[in-house]
Amino acid sequence: MDQDAREKMFTLFFTSKGSQGTELGLFIANHVIDQHGGYIKVESTLGEGTCFDISLPRVKPEESVAPFGKPIDI
């Protein structure tokens, strides 16, 4: 993946595949992961491939109460 693609890959409607796909995948994935307190780390070498490392916490850090108001044991 070239530098231009890496800078734009999480923006809405960005694609490097031409007319294939919906151009929503990485944008939505990044948004969902961010909303859950996680992150995506990207490593890419042009002409060789790209690796995505996704990390999600077991419990969103700022939340200490489960749905329906029940406390969570952390």
C-alpha atoms as a PDB file:
ATOM      1  CA  MET A   1       0.000   0.000   0.000  1.00  0.00           C
ATOM      2  CA  ASP A   2       1.494   3.349  -0.958  1.00  0.00           C
ATOM      3  CA  GLN A   3       1.677   6.351   1.402  1.00  0.00           C
ATOM      4  CA  ASP A   4      -1.312   8.104  -0.203  1.00  0.00           C
ATOM      5  CA  ALA A   5      -3.542   5.048   0.357  1.00  0.00           C
ATOM      6  CA  ARG A   6      -2.326   4.679   3.956  1.00  0.00           C
ATOM      7  CA  GLU A   7      -3.246   8.299   4.711  1.00  0.00           C
ATOM      8  CA  LYS A   8      -6.767   7.928   3.249  1.00  0.00           C
ATOM      9  CA  MET A   9      -7.690   4.301   4.008  1.00  0.00           C
ATOM     10  CA  PHE A  10     -10.041   5.080   6.921  1.00  0.00           C
ATOM     11  CA  THR A  11     -11.934   7.890   5.149  1.00  0.00           C
ATOM     12  CA  LEU A  12     -15.493   7.472   3.884  1.00  0.00           C
ATOM     13  CA  PHE A  13     -15.753   6.153   0.302  1.00  0.00           C
ATOM     14  CA  PHE A  14     -12.001   5.684  -0.186  1.00  0.00           C
ATOM     15  CA  THR A  15     -11.024   2.707  -2.324  1.00  0.00           C
ATOM     16  CA  SER A  16      -7.888   1.447  -3.977  1.00  0.00           C
ATOM     17  CA  LYS A  17      -9.813  -1.261  -5.876  1.00  0.00           C
ATOM     18  CA  GLY A  18     -11.462   0.868  -8.552  1.00  0.00           C
ATOM     19  CA  SER A  19     -15.170   0.120  -8.925  1.00  0.00           C
ATOM     20  CA  GLN A  20     -15.204  -3.057  -6.790  1.00  0.00           C
ATOM     21  CA  GLY A  21     -16.673  -3.011  -3.284  1.00  0.00           C
ATOM     22  CA  THR A  22     -18.721  -0.470  -1.351  1.00  0.00           C
ATOM     23  CA  GLU A  23     -15.780   1.632  -0.113  1.00  0.00           C
ATOM     24  CA  LEU A  24     -17.157   1.450   3.448  1.00  0.00           C
ATOM     25  CA  GLY A  25     -15.272  -1.472   5.046  1.00  0.00           C
ATOM     26  CA  LEU A  26     -12.252   0.157   6.695  1.00  0.00           C
ATOM     27  CA  PHE A  27     -14.197   3.321   7.525  1.00  0.00           C
ATOM     28  CA  ILE A  28     -16.872   1.341   9.401  1.00  0.00           C
ATOM     29  CA  ALA A  29     -14.363  -1.050  10.998  1.00  0.00           C
ATOM     30  CA  ASN A  30     -12.283   1.852  12.300  1.00  0.00           C
ATOM     31  CA  HIS A  31     -15.363   3.634  13.651  1.00  0.00           C
ATOM     32  CA  VAL A  32     -16.708   0.550  15.477  1.00  0.00           C
ATOM     33  CA  ILE A  33     -13.306  -0.312  16.953  1.00  0.00           C
ATOM     34  CA  ASP A  34     -12.792   3.302  18.081  1.00  0.00           C
ATOM     35  CA  GLN A  35     -16.248   3.411  19.702  1.00  0.00           C
ATOM     36  CA  HIS A  36     -15.320   0.340  21.747  1.00  0.00           C
ATOM     37  CA  GLY A  37     -12.035   1.832  22.986  1.00  0.00           C
ATOM     38  CA  GLY A  38      -9.779  -0.148  20.666  1.00  0.00           C
ATOM     39  CA  TYR A  39      -7.344   0.614  17.882  1.00  0.00           C
ATOM     40  CA  ILE A  40      -6.135  -0.605  14.497  1.00  0.00           C
ATOM     41  CA  LYS A  41      -2.406  -0.744  13.817  1.00  0.00           C
ATOM     42  CA  VAL A  42      -1.380  -0.994  10.140  1.00  0.00           C
ATOM     43  CA  GLU A  43       1.918  -2.248   8.761  1.00  0.00           C
ATOM     44  CA  SER A  44       2.348  -2.248   4.986  1.00  0.00           C
ATOM     45  CA  THR A  45       5.151  -2.843   2.525  1.00  0.00           C
ATOM     46  CA  LEU A  46       4.458  -1.754  -1.036  1.00  0.00           C
ATOM     47  CA  GLY A  47       4.256  -4.784  -3.322  1.00  0.00           C
ATOM     48  CA  GLU A  48       4.435  -7.280  -0.441  1.00  0.00           C
ATOM     49  CA  GLY A  49       1.251  -6.872   1.601  1.00  0.00           C
ATOM     50  CA  THR A  50      -0.513  -5.228   4.503  1.00  0.00           C
ATOM     51  CA  CYS A  51      -1.121  -6.442   8.056  1.00  0.00           C
ATOM     52  CA  PHE A  52      -3.872  -5.065  10.304  1.00  0.00           C
ATOM     53  CA  ASP A  53      -3.537  -5.578  14.067  1.00  0.00           C
ATOM     54  CA  ILE A  54      -6.857  -4.942  15.834  1.00  0.00           C
ATOM     55  CA  SER A  55      -7.073  -4.567  19.603  1.00  0.00           C
ATOM     56  CA  LEU A  56     -10.249  -4.307  21.687  1.00  0.00           C
ATOM     57  CA  PRO A  57     -10.387  -4.023  25.486  1.00  0.00           C
ATOM     58  CA  ARG A  58     -12.519  -6.491  27.432  1.00  0.00           C
ATOM     59  CA  VAL A  59     -14.344  -3.542  29.027  1.00  0.00           C
ATOM     60  CA  LYS A  60     -14.472  -0.039  27.630  1.00  0.00           C
ATOM     61  CA  PRO A  61     -12.179   1.911  30.030  1.00  0.00           C
ATOM     62  CA  GLU A  62     -14.569   4.707  31.015  1.00  0.00           C
ATOM     63  CA  GLU A  63     -17.487   2.343  31.635  1.00  0.00           C
ATOM     64  CA  SER A  64     -17.848   0.608  34.967  1.00  0.00           C
ATOM     65  CA  VAL A  65     -21.538  -0.255  34.761  1.00  0.00           C
ATOM     66  CA  ALA A  66     -22.994  -2.982  32.548  1.00  0.00           C
ATOM     67  CA  PRO A  67     -26.232  -2.612  30.601  1.00  0.00           C
ATOM     68  CA  PHE A  68     -29.311  -2.484  32.847  1.00  0.00           C
ATOM     69  CA  GLY A  69     -27.310  -0.760  35.620  1.00  0.00           C
ATOM     70  CA  LYS A  70     -25.603  -3.838  37.064  1.00  0.00           C
ATOM     71  CA  PRO A  71     -22.044  -3.216  38.355  1.00  0.00           C
ATOM     72  CA  ILE A  72     -19.152  -4.964  36.636  1.00  0.00           C
ATOM     73  CA  ASP A  73     -16.402  -6.657  38.655  1.00  0.00           C
ATOM     74  CA  ILE A  74     -13.102  -5.580  37.087  1.00  0.00           C
END
